[in-house]
Amino acid sequence: MEKLVIFDLDGTLLNTIADLGNAANHTLAELGLPQHTLDEYRLMVGNGMRKLIMRALPEHLAADDTFVDNTLAAFLDYYAKHIDTYTKPYPGIPELVSALAAQGCKLAIASNKIQAGAEKLAQEFFPNIPFVAVMGNSPLYPLKPDAAVVEYIMQKAGTDRAHTIMVGDSGTDIQTARNAGIPVIAVSWGFRPRAELTSADKIVDSASAILIAATLL
């Protein structure tokens, strides 16, 4: 049975933090609210766009569902128009996914990003990669760390847990893999500190190291 490698998107395949942070700051500025540094946004992302907005807002406004809804809508409108201004693959990632595909591995993306955004970035930066699935935030499946999206991808790929690996940059990705009963490789170049990654089966510091780690797990 062919091996399936499921990648997180933001912080794993692509460095998206500048576009996410700039879109959030633009939205906050339009509301006359305090903004944040890109380093601060690194700890706000990873659990869906609504959670990002809630974390970026002052606490009293984050508790107002209607205000959050309106702010999220404004953020998504701006972000959709600027989603790829600064976003780019991490070093070695295009070569990595091409090598895995050439070796016969099935590849997929499981992200908490909005579905349309995940699809747009996957197509733009990896146009020749035949992903089994590109899964973002949609009404059909709960956000990670719920394992439902991983279960769906495995079913679509026709692979089982013994032949599936997840690759991500956060505790959310690690917990997703644990909930799905599959091994997980954590990348050190993403948005979260290394201390958050210690429960992964393997931590790698370069894209090329994933090729080696994927064959060992």
N, C-alpha and C. Protein backbone atom coordinates (compact mmCIF):
# COMPACT_ATOMS: atom_id res chain seq x y z
N MET A 1 0.85 -1.20 0.00
CA MET A 1 0.00 0.00 0.00
C MET A 1 0.89 1.25 0.00
N GLU A 2 0.52 2.23 -0.82
CA GLU A 2 1.31 3.46 -0.91
C GLU A 2 1.21 4.27 0.39
N LYS A 3 2.29 4.96 0.70
CA LYS A 3 2.31 5.81 1.89
C LYS A 3 1.58 7.12 1.60
N LEU A 4 0.86 7.62 2.60
CA LEU A 4 0.16 8.90 2.52
C LEU A 4 0.80 9.87 3.49
N VAL A 5 1.19 11.04 3.01
CA VAL A 5 1.75 12.09 3.84
C VAL A 5 0.77 13.26 3.84
N ILE A 6 0.25 13.58 5.02
CA ILE A 6 -0.71 14.68 5.17
C ILE A 6 0.02 15.88 5.78
N PHE A 7 0.06 16.97 5.04
CA PHE A 7 0.74 18.17 5.48
C PHE A 7 -0.23 19.21 6.03
N ASP A 8 0.17 19.86 7.10
CA ASP A 8 -0.42 21.14 7.47
C ASP A 8 0.04 22.15 6.41
N LEU A 9 -0.62 23.29 6.32
CA LEU A 9 -0.27 24.28 5.29
C LEU A 9 0.50 25.46 5.87
N ASP A 10 -0.18 26.27 6.69
CA ASP A 10 0.46 27.48 7.24
C ASP A 10 1.51 27.09 8.27
N GLY A 11 2.73 27.57 8.07
CA GLY A 11 3.79 27.27 9.03
C GLY A 11 4.51 25.96 8.75
N THR A 12 4.00 25.19 7.80
CA THR A 12 4.61 23.90 7.46
C THR A 12 5.09 23.90 6.02
N LEU A 13 4.17 24.05 5.08
CA LEU A 13 4.54 24.17 3.68
C LEU A 13 4.81 25.62 3.28
N LEU A 14 3.98 26.52 3.79
CA LEU A 14 4.06 27.93 3.38
C LEU A 14 4.23 28.85 4.58
N ASN A 15 5.05 29.88 4.39
CA ASN A 15 5.17 30.94 5.39
C ASN A 15 4.13 32.01 5.06
N THR A 16 3.04 31.96 5.75
CA THR A 16 1.88 32.83 5.48
C THR A 16 1.71 33.94 6.51
N ILE A 17 2.61 34.02 7.47
CA ILE A 17 2.35 34.86 8.64
C ILE A 17 2.26 36.35 8.30
N ALA A 18 3.05 36.81 7.32
CA ALA A 18 3.01 38.24 6.98
C ALA A 18 1.65 38.63 6.41
N ASP A 19 1.12 37.80 5.52
CA ASP A 19 -0.18 38.13 4.93
C ASP A 19 -1.31 38.01 5.95
N LEU A 20 -1.24 37.01 6.82
CA LEU A 20 -2.24 36.89 7.87
C LEU A 20 -2.18 38.07 8.83
N GLY A 21 -0.97 38.38 9.29
CA GLY A 21 -0.80 39.47 10.25
C GLY A 21 -1.15 40.82 9.66
N ASN A 22 -0.74 41.06 8.42
CA ASN A 22 -1.04 42.34 7.79
C ASN A 22 -2.55 42.51 7.58
N ALA A 23 -3.23 41.41 7.22
CA ALA A 23 -4.68 41.50 7.03
C ALA A 23 -5.38 41.77 8.36
N ALA A 24 -4.91 41.11 9.41
CA ALA A 24 -5.51 41.35 10.73
C ALA A 24 -5.25 42.78 11.18
N ASN A 25 -4.02 43.26 11.00
CA ASN A 25 -3.70 44.63 11.42
C ASN A 25 -4.48 45.66 10.61
N HIS A 26 -4.66 45.40 9.32
CA HIS A 26 -5.46 46.31 8.50
C HIS A 26 -6.88 46.40 9.06
N THR A 27 -7.43 45.25 9.41
CA THR A 27 -8.80 45.22 9.94
C THR A 27 -8.88 45.94 11.28
N LEU A 28 -7.91 45.70 12.14
CA LEU A 28 -7.89 46.37 13.44
C LEU A 28 -7.73 47.88 13.28
N ALA A 29 -6.87 48.29 12.35
CA ALA A 29 -6.65 49.72 12.12
C ALA A 29 -7.93 50.41 11.64
N GLU A 30 -8.67 49.73 10.78
CA GLU A 30 -9.93 50.29 10.29
C GLU A 30 -10.93 50.50 11.43
N LEU A 31 -10.78 49.72 12.49
CA LEU A 31 -11.67 49.82 13.65
C LEU A 31 -11.09 50.71 14.74
N GLY A 32 -9.89 51.23 14.51
CA GLY A 32 -9.25 52.07 15.50
C GLY A 32 -8.77 51.29 16.72
N LEU A 33 -8.42 50.04 16.52
CA LEU A 33 -8.00 49.17 17.63
C LEU A 33 -6.50 48.92 17.58
N PRO A 34 -5.92 48.54 18.72
CA PRO A 34 -4.47 48.26 18.76
C PRO A 34 -4.10 47.11 17.82
N GLN A 35 -2.91 47.22 17.23
CA GLN A 35 -2.41 46.20 16.32
C GLN A 35 -1.33 45.37 17.02
N HIS A 36 -0.84 44.35 16.32
CA HIS A 36 0.12 43.41 16.90
C HIS A 36 1.29 43.19 15.95
N THR A 37 2.40 42.71 16.49
CA THR A 37 3.56 42.39 15.67
C THR A 37 3.35 41.03 15.00
N LEU A 38 4.11 40.78 13.95
CA LEU A 38 4.02 39.49 13.28
C LEU A 38 4.43 38.35 14.21
N ASP A 39 5.39 38.60 15.08
CA ASP A 39 5.78 37.57 16.04
C ASP A 39 4.63 37.23 16.98
N GLU A 40 3.85 38.23 17.36
CA GLU A 40 2.69 37.97 18.22
C GLU A 40 1.65 37.14 17.47
N TYR A 41 1.51 37.40 16.19
CA TYR A 41 0.52 36.64 15.41
C TYR A 41 0.91 35.17 15.26
N ARG A 42 2.18 34.87 15.37
CA ARG A 42 2.61 33.47 15.26
C ARG A 42 1.94 32.59 16.31
N LEU A 43 1.61 33.18 17.46
CA LEU A 43 0.96 32.42 18.53
C LEU A 43 -0.56 32.55 18.49
N MET A 44 -1.08 33.34 17.57
CA MET A 44 -2.53 33.51 17.46
C MET A 44 -3.14 32.62 16.39
N VAL A 45 -2.33 32.21 15.41
CA VAL A 45 -2.86 31.44 14.29
C VAL A 45 -2.85 29.95 14.61
N GLY A 46 -3.52 29.18 13.76
CA GLY A 46 -3.46 27.73 13.87
C GLY A 46 -4.75 27.06 14.27
N ASN A 47 -5.72 27.85 14.75
CA ASN A 47 -6.99 27.26 15.21
C ASN A 47 -8.19 27.83 14.46
N GLY A 48 -7.95 28.27 13.24
CA GLY A 48 -9.02 28.83 12.43
C GLY A 48 -9.05 30.35 12.46
N MET A 49 -9.66 30.94 11.45
CA MET A 49 -9.66 32.40 11.30
C MET A 49 -10.46 33.10 12.39
N ARG A 50 -11.56 32.50 12.79
CA ARG A 50 -12.37 33.14 13.84
C ARG A 50 -11.58 33.23 15.14
N LYS A 51 -10.87 32.18 15.47
CA LYS A 51 -10.05 32.20 16.69
C LYS A 51 -8.93 33.22 16.57
N LEU A 52 -8.36 33.37 15.39
CA LEU A 52 -7.34 34.39 15.17
C LEU A 52 -7.89 35.78 15.48
N ILE A 53 -9.06 36.08 14.95
CA ILE A 53 -9.67 37.39 15.19
C ILE A 53 -9.98 37.58 16.67
N MET A 54 -10.49 36.57 17.32
CA MET A 54 -10.80 36.68 18.74
C MET A 54 -9.54 36.97 19.55
N ARG A 55 -8.44 36.34 19.19
CA ARG A 55 -7.19 36.56 19.91
C ARG A 55 -6.60 37.93 19.62
N ALA A 56 -6.87 38.46 18.44
CA ALA A 56 -6.32 39.77 18.07
C ALA A 56 -7.11 40.92 18.68
N LEU A 57 -8.38 40.69 18.98
CA LEU A 57 -9.22 41.75 19.53
C LEU A 57 -8.99 41.94 21.02
N PRO A 58 -9.25 43.14 21.53
CA PRO A 58 -9.29 43.32 22.99
C PRO A 58 -10.29 42.36 23.61
N GLU A 59 -10.03 41.94 24.82
CA GLU A 59 -10.80 40.87 25.45
C GLU A 59 -12.30 41.18 25.49
N HIS A 60 -12.66 42.41 25.79
CA HIS A 60 -14.09 42.72 25.93
C HIS A 60 -14.80 42.64 24.58
N LEU A 61 -14.09 42.92 23.48
CA LEU A 61 -14.69 42.83 22.16
C LEU A 61 -14.71 41.39 21.66
N ALA A 62 -13.71 40.61 22.06
CA ALA A 62 -13.65 39.20 21.66
C ALA A 62 -14.80 38.40 22.26
N ALA A 63 -15.42 38.93 23.31
CA ALA A 63 -16.54 38.25 23.95
C ALA A 63 -17.88 38.61 23.29
N ASP A 64 -17.85 39.54 22.34
CA ASP A 64 -19.07 39.99 21.66
C ASP A 64 -19.16 39.24 20.32
N ASP A 65 -20.03 38.25 20.24
CA ASP A 65 -20.10 37.40 19.05
C ASP A 65 -20.42 38.19 17.78
N THR A 66 -21.31 39.15 17.89
CA THR A 66 -21.67 39.93 16.71
C THR A 66 -20.50 40.77 16.23
N PHE A 67 -19.76 41.36 17.17
CA PHE A 67 -18.59 42.15 16.79
C PHE A 67 -17.54 41.25 16.15
N VAL A 68 -17.34 40.07 16.70
CA VAL A 68 -16.38 39.12 16.13
C VAL A 68 -16.80 38.74 14.72
N ASP A 69 -18.08 38.45 14.53
CA ASP A 69 -18.57 38.07 13.21
C ASP A 69 -18.30 39.16 12.18
N ASN A 70 -18.59 40.39 12.54
CA ASN A 70 -18.40 41.51 11.61
C ASN A 70 -16.92 41.75 11.33
N THR A 71 -16.10 41.63 12.37
CA THR A 71 -14.66 41.82 12.20
C THR A 71 -14.07 40.71 11.34
N LEU A 72 -14.52 39.49 11.57
CA LEU A 72 -14.05 38.36 10.78
C LEU A 72 -14.40 38.54 9.31
N ALA A 73 -15.61 39.00 9.02
CA ALA A 73 -16.02 39.22 7.64
C ALA A 73 -15.13 40.25 6.96
N ALA A 74 -14.82 41.34 7.67
CA ALA A 74 -13.95 42.37 7.11
C ALA A 74 -12.54 41.83 6.88
N PHE A 75 -12.05 41.05 7.84
CA PHE A 75 -10.73 40.45 7.71
C PHE A 75 -10.67 39.51 6.50
N LEU A 76 -11.66 38.64 6.37
CA LEU A 76 -11.65 37.67 5.27
C LEU A 76 -11.73 38.36 3.92
N ASP A 77 -12.48 39.43 3.84
CA ASP A 77 -12.59 40.18 2.59
C ASP A 77 -11.23 40.74 2.18
N TYR A 78 -10.53 41.33 3.14
CA TYR A 78 -9.21 41.90 2.83
C TYR A 78 -8.19 40.80 2.57
N TYR A 79 -8.21 39.76 3.40
CA TYR A 79 -7.22 38.68 3.26
C TYR A 79 -7.36 37.97 1.92
N ALA A 80 -8.58 37.77 1.47
CA ALA A 80 -8.78 37.09 0.18
C ALA A 80 -8.12 37.84 -0.97
N LYS A 81 -8.03 39.15 -0.84
CA LYS A 81 -7.44 39.98 -1.90
C LYS A 81 -5.92 40.10 -1.77
N HIS A 82 -5.39 39.72 -0.61
CA HIS A 82 -3.95 39.88 -0.35
C HIS A 82 -3.33 38.59 0.19
N ILE A 83 -3.92 37.46 -0.14
CA ILE A 83 -3.54 36.19 0.47
C ILE A 83 -2.13 35.74 0.09
N ASP A 84 -1.65 36.22 -1.05
CA ASP A 84 -0.35 35.75 -1.54
C ASP A 84 0.65 36.87 -1.79
N THR A 85 0.46 38.00 -1.12
CA THR A 85 1.37 39.13 -1.33
C THR A 85 2.77 38.80 -0.86
N TYR A 86 2.89 38.24 0.32
CA TYR A 86 4.21 37.89 0.89
C TYR A 86 4.38 36.39 1.11
N THR A 87 3.33 35.63 1.00
CA THR A 87 3.38 34.19 1.26
C THR A 87 4.30 33.49 0.27
N LYS A 88 5.07 32.54 0.78
CA LYS A 88 5.96 31.75 -0.09
C LYS A 88 6.28 30.43 0.60
N PRO A 89 6.71 29.43 -0.17
CA PRO A 89 7.09 28.15 0.43
C PRO A 89 8.36 28.30 1.27
N TYR A 90 8.47 27.49 2.29
CA TYR A 90 9.71 27.44 3.05
C TYR A 90 10.80 26.80 2.19
N PRO A 91 12.07 27.08 2.50
CA PRO A 91 13.19 26.52 1.71
C PRO A 91 13.09 25.00 1.60
N GLY A 92 13.22 24.52 0.38
CA GLY A 92 13.25 23.09 0.13
C GLY A 92 11.90 22.43 0.02
N ILE A 93 10.82 23.15 0.30
CA ILE A 93 9.49 22.52 0.30
C ILE A 93 9.03 22.12 -1.11
N PRO A 94 9.17 22.97 -2.11
CA PRO A 94 8.76 22.52 -3.46
C PRO A 94 9.50 21.26 -3.89
N GLU A 95 10.80 21.21 -3.58
CA GLU A 95 11.59 20.03 -3.93
C GLU A 95 11.14 18.81 -3.14
N LEU A 96 10.77 19.02 -1.89
CA LEU A 96 10.33 17.92 -1.04
C LEU A 96 9.06 17.28 -1.57
N VAL A 97 8.04 18.08 -1.81
CA VAL A 97 6.77 17.50 -2.25
C VAL A 97 6.91 16.86 -3.63
N SER A 98 7.75 17.44 -4.48
CA SER A 98 7.99 16.83 -5.79
C SER A 98 8.68 15.49 -5.65
N ALA A 99 9.65 15.40 -4.73
CA ALA A 99 10.37 14.15 -4.52
C ALA A 99 9.45 13.08 -3.94
N LEU A 100 8.61 13.46 -2.98
CA LEU A 100 7.68 12.50 -2.40
C LEU A 100 6.71 11.98 -3.45
N ALA A 101 6.20 12.88 -4.27
CA ALA A 101 5.28 12.46 -5.32
C ALA A 101 5.98 11.54 -6.32
N ALA A 102 7.24 11.85 -6.65
CA ALA A 102 7.99 11.02 -7.58
C ALA A 102 8.25 9.64 -7.02
N GLN A 103 8.34 9.54 -5.70
CA GLN A 103 8.56 8.25 -5.05
C GLN A 103 7.27 7.43 -4.92
N GLY A 104 6.16 8.01 -5.34
CA GLY A 104 4.90 7.29 -5.29
C GLY A 104 4.08 7.53 -4.04
N CYS A 105 4.50 8.48 -3.20
CA CYS A 105 3.72 8.81 -2.02
C CYS A 105 2.47 9.59 -2.42
N LYS A 106 1.39 9.30 -1.75
CA LYS A 106 0.19 10.11 -1.89
C LYS A 106 0.32 11.30 -0.94
N LEU A 107 -0.10 12.47 -1.40
CA LEU A 107 0.07 13.70 -0.62
C LEU A 107 -1.28 14.38 -0.43
N ALA A 108 -1.44 15.02 0.73
CA ALA A 108 -2.67 15.76 1.02
C ALA A 108 -2.36 16.92 1.95
N ILE A 109 -3.29 17.86 2.02
CA ILE A 109 -3.18 19.00 2.92
C ILE A 109 -4.39 19.01 3.85
N ALA A 110 -4.13 19.17 5.14
CA ALA A 110 -5.19 19.32 6.14
C ALA A 110 -4.90 20.60 6.92
N SER A 111 -5.71 21.61 6.70
CA SER A 111 -5.46 22.94 7.25
C SER A 111 -6.70 23.46 7.97
N ASN A 112 -6.49 24.37 8.92
CA ASN A 112 -7.60 25.09 9.53
C ASN A 112 -7.86 26.41 8.82
N LYS A 113 -7.18 26.64 7.71
CA LYS A 113 -7.40 27.83 6.90
C LYS A 113 -8.75 27.70 6.19
N ILE A 114 -9.33 28.83 5.80
CA ILE A 114 -10.57 28.78 5.03
C ILE A 114 -10.34 27.92 3.77
N GLN A 115 -11.35 27.17 3.38
CA GLN A 115 -11.21 26.21 2.27
C GLN A 115 -10.73 26.88 0.98
N ALA A 116 -11.35 27.99 0.62
CA ALA A 116 -10.97 28.65 -0.63
C ALA A 116 -9.53 29.12 -0.60
N GLY A 117 -9.08 29.59 0.56
CA GLY A 117 -7.70 30.04 0.68
C GLY A 117 -6.71 28.90 0.58
N ALA A 118 -7.02 27.79 1.22
CA ALA A 118 -6.15 26.62 1.15
C ALA A 118 -6.03 26.13 -0.28
N GLU A 119 -7.14 26.08 -0.99
CA GLU A 119 -7.12 25.62 -2.38
C GLU A 119 -6.34 26.58 -3.27
N LYS A 120 -6.54 27.87 -3.07
CA LYS A 120 -5.84 28.86 -3.91
C LYS A 120 -4.33 28.76 -3.73
N LEU A 121 -3.87 28.69 -2.48
CA LEU A 121 -2.44 28.65 -2.23
C LEU A 121 -1.82 27.33 -2.69
N ALA A 122 -2.53 26.23 -2.50
CA ALA A 122 -2.00 24.94 -2.96
C ALA A 122 -1.84 24.94 -4.48
N GLN A 123 -2.82 25.48 -5.19
CA GLN A 123 -2.75 25.52 -6.64
C GLN A 123 -1.67 26.48 -7.12
N GLU A 124 -1.53 27.61 -6.43
CA GLU A 124 -0.56 28.62 -6.87
C GLU A 124 0.87 28.16 -6.66
N PHE A 125 1.15 27.56 -5.50
CA PHE A 125 2.54 27.24 -5.18
C PHE A 125 2.93 25.80 -5.49
N PHE A 126 1.95 24.93 -5.66
CA PHE A 126 2.26 23.53 -5.97
C PHE A 126 1.37 23.05 -7.13
N PRO A 127 1.43 23.72 -8.26
CA PRO A 127 0.48 23.44 -9.35
C PRO A 127 0.63 22.05 -9.95
N ASN A 128 1.80 21.45 -9.82
CA ASN A 128 2.04 20.16 -10.45
C ASN A 128 1.97 18.98 -9.48
N ILE A 129 1.55 19.26 -8.25
CA ILE A 129 1.46 18.20 -7.25
C ILE A 129 0.03 17.64 -7.22
N PRO A 130 -0.13 16.35 -7.45
CA PRO A 130 -1.48 15.76 -7.47
C PRO A 130 -1.98 15.42 -6.07
N PHE A 131 -2.30 16.44 -5.29
CA PHE A 131 -2.80 16.20 -3.93
C PHE A 131 -4.07 15.35 -3.98
N VAL A 132 -4.12 14.35 -3.11
CA VAL A 132 -5.33 13.54 -2.98
C VAL A 132 -6.48 14.41 -2.51
N ALA A 133 -6.18 15.34 -1.60
CA ALA A 133 -7.19 16.26 -1.08
C ALA A 133 -6.50 17.49 -0.53
N VAL A 134 -7.15 18.63 -0.67
CA VAL A 134 -6.73 19.87 -0.02
C VAL A 134 -7.90 20.30 0.85
N MET A 135 -7.75 20.09 2.15
CA MET A 135 -8.84 20.29 3.08
C MET A 135 -8.58 21.50 3.98
N GLY A 136 -9.51 22.44 3.95
CA GLY A 136 -9.45 23.58 4.85
C GLY A 136 -10.66 23.59 5.76
N ASN A 137 -10.92 24.74 6.35
CA ASN A 137 -12.07 24.89 7.24
C ASN A 137 -13.35 24.92 6.41
N SER A 138 -14.22 23.95 6.63
CA SER A 138 -15.49 23.90 5.92
C SER A 138 -16.56 23.40 6.90
N PRO A 139 -17.83 23.58 6.55
CA PRO A 139 -18.90 23.11 7.44
C PRO A 139 -18.96 21.59 7.56
N LEU A 140 -18.27 20.88 6.69
CA LEU A 140 -18.39 19.42 6.65
C LEU A 140 -17.60 18.72 7.75
N TYR A 141 -16.50 19.34 8.19
CA TYR A 141 -15.63 18.68 9.17
C TYR A 141 -15.20 19.67 10.24
N PRO A 142 -15.08 19.22 11.49
CA PRO A 142 -14.59 20.10 12.55
C PRO A 142 -13.13 20.48 12.30
N LEU A 143 -12.71 21.56 12.91
CA LEU A 143 -11.32 21.98 12.80
C LEU A 143 -10.40 20.98 13.50
N LYS A 144 -9.14 20.93 13.04
CA LYS A 144 -8.14 20.21 13.82
C LYS A 144 -8.06 20.86 15.21
N PRO A 145 -7.83 20.08 16.26
CA PRO A 145 -7.28 18.73 16.30
C PRO A 145 -8.28 17.59 16.19
N ASP A 146 -9.53 17.87 15.88
CA ASP A 146 -10.45 16.77 15.59
C ASP A 146 -9.87 15.96 14.43
N ALA A 147 -9.98 14.65 14.51
CA ALA A 147 -9.35 13.78 13.52
C ALA A 147 -10.23 13.52 12.30
N ALA A 148 -11.42 14.09 12.25
CA ALA A 148 -12.36 13.77 11.17
C ALA A 148 -11.78 14.05 9.79
N VAL A 149 -11.06 15.16 9.65
CA VAL A 149 -10.51 15.51 8.34
C VAL A 149 -9.43 14.51 7.92
N VAL A 150 -8.64 14.05 8.87
CA VAL A 150 -7.62 13.04 8.57
C VAL A 150 -8.27 11.72 8.18
N GLU A 151 -9.31 11.36 8.90
CA GLU A 151 -10.03 10.13 8.58
C GLU A 151 -10.60 10.20 7.16
N TYR A 152 -11.14 11.34 6.79
CA TYR A 152 -11.68 11.51 5.44
C TYR A 152 -10.59 11.38 4.39
N ILE A 153 -9.44 12.03 4.64
CA ILE A 153 -8.35 11.98 3.67
C ILE A 153 -7.85 10.55 3.50
N MET A 154 -7.69 9.81 4.60
CA MET A 154 -7.25 8.42 4.49
C MET A 154 -8.23 7.59 3.68
N GLN A 155 -9.51 7.81 3.92
CA GLN A 155 -10.52 7.06 3.19
C GLN A 155 -10.46 7.39 1.70
N LYS A 156 -10.32 8.68 1.38
CA LYS A 156 -10.25 9.09 -0.02
C LYS A 156 -9.00 8.55 -0.70
N ALA A 157 -7.89 8.50 0.05
CA ALA A 157 -6.63 8.02 -0.52
C ALA A 157 -6.56 6.50 -0.59
N GLY A 158 -7.44 5.84 0.15
CA GLY A 158 -7.41 4.39 0.18
C GLY A 158 -6.24 3.84 0.96
N THR A 159 -5.81 4.57 2.00
CA THR A 159 -4.71 4.12 2.84
C THR A 159 -5.20 3.92 4.27
N ASP A 160 -4.38 3.21 5.05
CA ASP A 160 -4.74 2.98 6.44
C ASP A 160 -3.75 3.70 7.36
N ARG A 161 -3.98 3.59 8.66
CA ARG A 161 -3.14 4.28 9.63
C ARG A 161 -1.68 3.86 9.55
N ALA A 162 -1.45 2.59 9.25
CA ALA A 162 -0.09 2.07 9.21
C ALA A 162 0.73 2.68 8.08
N HIS A 163 0.07 3.30 7.12
CA HIS A 163 0.78 3.85 5.97
C HIS A 163 0.57 5.37 5.84
N THR A 164 0.15 6.01 6.94
CA THR A 164 -0.14 7.44 6.91
C THR A 164 0.70 8.19 7.94
N ILE A 165 1.22 9.34 7.54
CA ILE A 165 2.03 10.20 8.41
C ILE A 165 1.50 11.62 8.30
N MET A 166 1.51 12.36 9.39
CA MET A 166 1.16 13.77 9.37
C MET A 166 2.41 14.60 9.60
N VAL A 167 2.47 15.77 8.94
CA VAL A 167 3.58 16.71 9.10
C VAL A 167 2.99 18.07 9.44
N GLY A 168 3.41 18.65 10.56
CA GLY A 168 2.88 19.95 10.97
C GLY A 168 3.86 20.73 11.81
N ASP A 169 3.42 21.91 12.24
CA ASP A 169 4.33 22.80 12.97
C ASP A 169 3.81 23.19 14.34
N SER A 170 2.76 22.51 14.83
CA SER A 170 2.16 22.97 16.08
C SER A 170 1.64 21.83 16.92
N GLY A 171 1.32 22.16 18.16
CA GLY A 171 0.69 21.20 19.03
C GLY A 171 -0.66 20.75 18.51
N THR A 172 -1.33 21.62 17.79
CA THR A 172 -2.62 21.25 17.19
C THR A 172 -2.43 20.11 16.19
N ASP A 173 -1.39 20.20 15.37
CA ASP A 173 -1.13 19.14 14.39
C ASP A 173 -0.74 17.84 15.08
N ILE A 174 0.06 17.96 16.12
CA ILE A 174 0.47 16.76 16.86
C ILE A 174 -0.75 16.08 17.48
N GLN A 175 -1.62 16.87 18.09
CA GLN A 175 -2.81 16.29 18.71
C GLN A 175 -3.75 15.70 17.66
N THR A 176 -3.83 16.33 16.50
CA THR A 176 -4.64 15.79 15.42
C THR A 176 -4.17 14.39 15.04
N ALA A 177 -2.84 14.25 14.89
CA ALA A 177 -2.28 12.95 14.55
C ALA A 177 -2.54 11.93 15.65
N ARG A 178 -2.40 12.34 16.90
CA ARG A 178 -2.65 11.43 18.01
C ARG A 178 -4.11 10.99 18.01
N ASN A 179 -5.01 11.94 17.76
CA ASN A 179 -6.44 11.60 17.73
C ASN A 179 -6.76 10.64 16.58
N ALA A 180 -5.98 10.74 15.50
CA ALA A 180 -6.20 9.87 14.35
C ALA A 180 -5.44 8.55 14.46
N GLY A 181 -4.55 8.45 15.44
CA GLY A 181 -3.79 7.23 15.62
C GLY A 181 -2.69 7.04 14.60
N ILE A 182 -2.09 8.16 14.14
CA ILE A 182 -1.01 8.08 13.16
C ILE A 182 0.23 8.82 13.68
N PRO A 183 1.43 8.47 13.18
CA PRO A 183 2.64 9.18 13.61
C PRO A 183 2.67 10.59 13.04
N VAL A 184 3.49 11.44 13.67
CA VAL A 184 3.56 12.84 13.26
C VAL A 184 4.99 13.34 13.30
N ILE A 185 5.36 14.05 12.25
CA ILE A 185 6.64 14.74 12.17
C ILE A 185 6.38 16.23 12.38
N ALA A 186 7.12 16.85 13.27
CA ALA A 186 6.99 18.29 13.52
C ALA A 186 8.15 19.03 12.87
N VAL A 187 7.84 20.15 12.22
CA VAL A 187 8.88 20.98 11.60
C VAL A 187 9.21 22.14 12.53
N SER A 188 10.49 22.44 12.63
CA SER A 188 10.93 23.46 13.58
C SER A 188 10.87 24.88 13.02
N TRP A 189 10.62 25.03 11.72
CA TRP A 189 10.68 26.36 11.10
C TRP A 189 9.34 27.09 11.11
N GLY A 190 8.32 26.49 11.71
CA GLY A 190 6.98 27.06 11.64
C GLY A 190 6.71 28.16 12.64
N PHE A 191 5.44 28.28 13.02
CA PHE A 191 5.00 29.41 13.83
C PHE A 191 5.13 29.18 15.33
N ARG A 192 5.31 27.94 15.75
CA ARG A 192 5.31 27.65 17.18
C ARG A 192 6.70 27.35 17.70
N PRO A 193 6.94 27.61 18.99
CA PRO A 193 8.26 27.33 19.57
C PRO A 193 8.53 25.83 19.62
N ARG A 194 9.80 25.48 19.59
CA ARG A 194 10.18 24.07 19.59
C ARG A 194 9.65 23.33 20.82
N ALA A 195 9.53 24.04 21.93
CA ALA A 195 9.04 23.41 23.16
C ALA A 195 7.64 22.84 22.99
N GLU A 196 6.87 23.39 22.06
CA GLU A 196 5.52 22.90 21.82
C GLU A 196 5.51 21.60 21.00
N LEU A 197 6.66 21.24 20.45
CA LEU A 197 6.72 20.13 19.50
C LEU A 197 7.29 18.85 20.08
N THR A 198 7.63 18.87 21.34
CA THR A 198 8.41 17.76 21.91
C THR A 198 7.65 16.43 21.94
N SER A 199 6.34 16.46 21.84
CA SER A 199 5.59 15.20 21.87
C SER A 199 5.43 14.57 20.49
N ALA A 200 5.98 15.20 19.47
CA ALA A 200 5.95 14.60 18.13
C ALA A 200 6.85 13.38 18.09
N ASP A 201 6.63 12.52 17.10
CA ASP A 201 7.49 11.35 16.94
C ASP A 201 8.89 11.75 16.48
N LYS A 202 8.95 12.85 15.72
CA LYS A 202 10.23 13.33 15.22
C LYS A 202 10.12 14.82 14.96
N ILE A 203 11.16 15.58 15.30
CA ILE A 203 11.25 17.00 14.95
C ILE A 203 12.34 17.14 13.90
N VAL A 204 12.03 17.83 12.80
CA VAL A 204 13.01 18.02 11.74
C VAL A 204 13.30 19.51 11.57
N ASP A 205 14.53 19.78 11.13
CA ASP A 205 14.98 21.16 10.97
C ASP A 205 15.14 21.58 9.52
N SER A 206 14.87 20.67 8.59
CA SER A 206 14.98 20.99 7.18
C SER A 206 13.99 20.15 6.40
N ALA A 207 13.59 20.66 5.23
CA ALA A 207 12.64 19.93 4.41
C ALA A 207 13.21 18.57 3.98
N SER A 208 14.49 18.56 3.66
CA SER A 208 15.11 17.31 3.20
C SER A 208 15.05 16.22 4.28
N ALA A 209 15.07 16.63 5.56
CA ALA A 209 15.03 15.66 6.65
C ALA A 209 13.68 14.94 6.70
N ILE A 210 12.63 15.54 6.13
CA ILE A 210 11.33 14.88 6.12
C ILE A 210 11.38 13.64 5.25
N LEU A 211 12.14 13.70 4.16
CA LEU A 211 12.27 12.52 3.29
C LEU A 211 12.80 11.33 4.05
N ILE A 212 13.81 11.58 4.89
CA ILE A 212 14.42 10.50 5.68
C ILE A 212 13.46 10.05 6.78
N ALA A 213 12.88 11.03 7.50
CA ALA A 213 12.00 10.70 8.63
C ALA A 213 10.77 9.94 8.16
N ALA A 214 10.24 10.30 7.01
CA ALA A 214 9.02 9.68 6.51
C ALA A 214 9.23 8.20 6.21
N THR A 215 10.45 7.83 5.88
CA THR A 215 10.72 6.41 5.56
C THR A 215 10.96 5.60 6.83
N LEU A 216 11.24 6.30 7.93
CA LEU A 216 11.56 5.60 9.18
C LEU A 216 10.33 5.38 10.04
N LEU A 217 9.32 6.22 9.90
CA LEU A 217 8.13 6.12 10.74
C LEU A 217 7.13 5.12 10.17
